[in-house]
Amino acid sequence: MMIRSATTLRNDYDKMVKLSQERQEPIFLTRNGEGEMVFLPIELWEKREAELDLLAESLRREQNLAAGAKTYSMQEMEALTEDVLGEG
């Protein structure tokens, strides 16, 4: 984990960008010794957002299943698809 002061970001932005990109990890910024912000490459942020979206979707599906949502076997899905496409 990298921790730097917000002043470091202000005074040496290019170095902070390079460091964060090389290590592919966030830099935690502090002000007056207190955590204030996280600085990270956009690619890393997008990856983490995609992972969170996937986890949220997985949780939603588990909740639907626990609530009694109808599930289908592969054979049932194939039959439904054939019916919809008129191939059955």
C-alpha atoms as a PDB file:
ATOM      1  CA  MET A   1       0.000   0.000   0.000  1.00  0.00           C
ATOM      2  CA  MET A   2       1.372   3.385  -0.977  1.00  0.00           C
ATOM      3  CA  ILE A   3       0.605   6.396   1.176  1.00  0.00           C
ATOM      4  CA  ARG A   4       1.634   9.918   0.181  1.00  0.00           C
ATOM      5  CA  SER A   5       0.660  13.409   1.241  1.00  0.00           C
ATOM      6  CA  ALA A   6      -1.673  15.461  -0.926  1.00  0.00           C
ATOM      7  CA  THR A   7       1.194  17.961  -1.207  1.00  0.00           C
ATOM      8  CA  THR A   8       3.272  15.310  -3.001  1.00  0.00           C
ATOM      9  CA  LEU A   9       0.510  14.949  -5.579  1.00  0.00           C
ATOM     10  CA  ARG A  10       0.344  18.700  -6.066  1.00  0.00           C
ATOM     11  CA  ASN A  11       4.130  19.106  -6.343  1.00  0.00           C
ATOM     12  CA  ASP A  12       4.970  16.026  -8.408  1.00  0.00           C
ATOM     13  CA  TYR A  13       1.880  14.871 -10.267  1.00  0.00           C
ATOM     14  CA  ASP A  14       3.761  13.221 -13.137  1.00  0.00           C
ATOM     15  CA  LYS A  15       5.861  11.109 -10.749  1.00  0.00           C
ATOM     16  CA  MET A  16       2.729   9.996  -8.879  1.00  0.00           C
ATOM     17  CA  VAL A  17       1.008   9.006 -12.133  1.00  0.00           C
ATOM     18  CA  LYS A  18       4.039   7.000 -13.243  1.00  0.00           C
ATOM     19  CA  LEU A  19       4.381   5.296  -9.843  1.00  0.00           C
ATOM     20  CA  SER A  20       0.705   4.325  -9.694  1.00  0.00           C
ATOM     21  CA  GLN A  21       0.710   3.025 -13.269  1.00  0.00           C
ATOM     22  CA  GLU A  22       3.910   1.018 -12.827  1.00  0.00           C
ATOM     23  CA  ARG A  23       2.711  -0.661  -9.646  1.00  0.00           C
ATOM     24  CA  GLN A  24      -0.929  -0.912 -10.750  1.00  0.00           C
ATOM     25  CA  GLU A  25      -2.133  -0.051  -7.283  1.00  0.00           C
ATOM     26  CA  PRO A  26      -3.795   2.931  -5.648  1.00  0.00           C
ATOM     27  CA  ILE A  27      -1.981   5.658  -3.775  1.00  0.00           C
ATOM     28  CA  PHE A  28      -3.707   6.792  -0.582  1.00  0.00           C
ATOM     29  CA  LEU A  29      -3.429  10.551  -0.131  1.00  0.00           C
ATOM     30  CA  THR A  30      -3.348  12.225   3.247  1.00  0.00           C
ATOM     31  CA  ARG A  31      -3.806  15.787   4.423  1.00  0.00           C
ATOM     32  CA  ASN A  32      -2.560  16.755   7.861  1.00  0.00           C
ATOM     33  CA  GLY A  33      -1.927  13.078   8.571  1.00  0.00           C
ATOM     34  CA  GLU A  34      -5.532  12.065   7.853  1.00  0.00           C
ATOM     35  CA  GLY A  35      -6.654   9.924   4.934  1.00  0.00           C
ATOM     36  CA  GLU A  36      -8.406  12.060   2.336  1.00  0.00           C
ATOM     37  CA  MET A  37      -8.457  10.495  -1.124  1.00  0.00           C
ATOM     38  CA  VAL A  38      -7.323   7.598  -3.301  1.00  0.00           C
ATOM     39  CA  PHE A  39      -5.386   8.164  -6.513  1.00  0.00           C
ATOM     40  CA  LEU A  40      -5.326   5.315  -9.049  1.00  0.00           C
ATOM     41  CA  PRO A  41      -4.994   4.638 -12.780  1.00  0.00           C
ATOM     42  CA  ILE A  42      -8.289   4.758 -14.682  1.00  0.00           C
ATOM     43  CA  GLU A  43      -7.752   1.204 -15.973  1.00  0.00           C
ATOM     44  CA  LEU A  44      -7.524  -0.081 -12.406  1.00  0.00           C
ATOM     45  CA  TRP A  45     -10.629   1.879 -11.400  1.00  0.00           C
ATOM     46  CA  GLU A  46     -12.558   0.478 -14.391  1.00  0.00           C
ATOM     47  CA  LYS A  47     -11.463  -3.069 -13.537  1.00  0.00           C
ATOM     48  CA  ARG A  48     -12.595  -2.664  -9.929  1.00  0.00           C
ATOM     49  CA  GLU A  49     -15.909  -1.179 -11.032  1.00  0.00           C
ATOM     50  CA  ALA A  50     -16.486  -4.139 -13.377  1.00  0.00           C
ATOM     51  CA  GLU A  51     -15.713  -6.553 -10.536  1.00  0.00           C
ATOM     52  CA  LEU A  52     -18.155  -4.749  -8.240  1.00  0.00           C
ATOM     53  CA  ASP A  53     -20.844  -4.803 -10.947  1.00  0.00           C
ATOM     54  CA  LEU A  54     -20.315  -8.539 -11.408  1.00  0.00           C
ATOM     55  CA  LEU A  55     -20.556  -9.151  -7.657  1.00  0.00           C
ATOM     56  CA  ALA A  56     -23.712  -7.038  -7.439  1.00  0.00           C
ATOM     57  CA  GLU A  57     -25.311  -8.989 -10.303  1.00  0.00           C
ATOM     58  CA  SER A  58     -24.337 -12.275  -8.669  1.00  0.00           C
ATOM     59  CA  LEU A  59     -25.880 -11.151  -5.387  1.00  0.00           C
ATOM     60  CA  ARG A  60     -29.076 -10.056  -7.175  1.00  0.00           C
ATOM     61  CA  ARG A  61     -29.380 -13.462  -8.809  1.00  0.00           C
ATOM     62  CA  GLU A  62     -28.783 -15.271  -5.519  1.00  0.00           C
ATOM     63  CA  GLN A  63     -31.465 -13.140  -3.861  1.00  0.00           C
ATOM     64  CA  ASN A  64     -33.918 -13.914  -6.677  1.00  0.00           C
ATOM     65  CA  LEU A  65     -33.184 -17.611  -6.338  1.00  0.00           C
ATOM     66  CA  ALA A  66     -33.665 -17.479  -2.557  1.00  0.00           C
ATOM     67  CA  ALA A  67     -36.962 -15.632  -3.092  1.00  0.00           C
ATOM     68  CA  GLY A  68     -38.226 -18.509  -5.228  1.00  0.00           C
ATOM     69  CA  ALA A  69     -37.612 -17.219  -8.746  1.00  0.00           C
ATOM     70  CA  LYS A  70     -38.275 -19.768 -11.479  1.00  0.00           C
ATOM     71  CA  THR A  71     -35.187 -21.488 -12.834  1.00  0.00           C
ATOM     72  CA  TYR A  72     -34.810 -23.417 -16.067  1.00  0.00           C
ATOM     73  CA  SER A  73     -32.713 -26.413 -17.086  1.00  0.00           C
ATOM     74  CA  MET A  74     -30.648 -26.311 -20.250  1.00  0.00           C
ATOM     75  CA  GLN A  75     -33.174 -28.560 -21.987  1.00  0.00           C
ATOM     76  CA  GLU A  76     -36.043 -26.249 -20.992  1.00  0.00           C
ATOM     77  CA  MET A  77     -34.149 -23.217 -22.308  1.00  0.00           C
ATOM     78  CA  GLU A  78     -33.424 -24.976 -25.600  1.00  0.00           C
ATOM     79  CA  ALA A  79     -37.109 -25.894 -25.975  1.00  0.00           C
ATOM     80  CA  LEU A  80     -38.222 -22.335 -25.189  1.00  0.00           C
ATOM     81  CA  THR A  81     -35.709 -20.925 -27.661  1.00  0.00           C
ATOM     82  CA  GLU A  82     -36.856 -23.293 -30.381  1.00  0.00           C
ATOM     83  CA  ASP A  83     -40.475 -22.323 -29.717  1.00  0.00           C
ATOM     84  CA  VAL A  84     -39.683 -18.599 -29.921  1.00  0.00           C
ATOM     85  CA  LEU A  85     -37.609 -19.016 -33.090  1.00  0.00           C
ATOM     86  CA  GLY A  86     -40.168 -21.351 -34.634  1.00  0.00           C
ATOM     87  CA  GLU A  87     -37.682 -24.178 -35.009  1.00  0.00           C
ATOM     88  CA  GLY A  88     -39.577 -26.718 -32.900  1.00  0.00           C
END
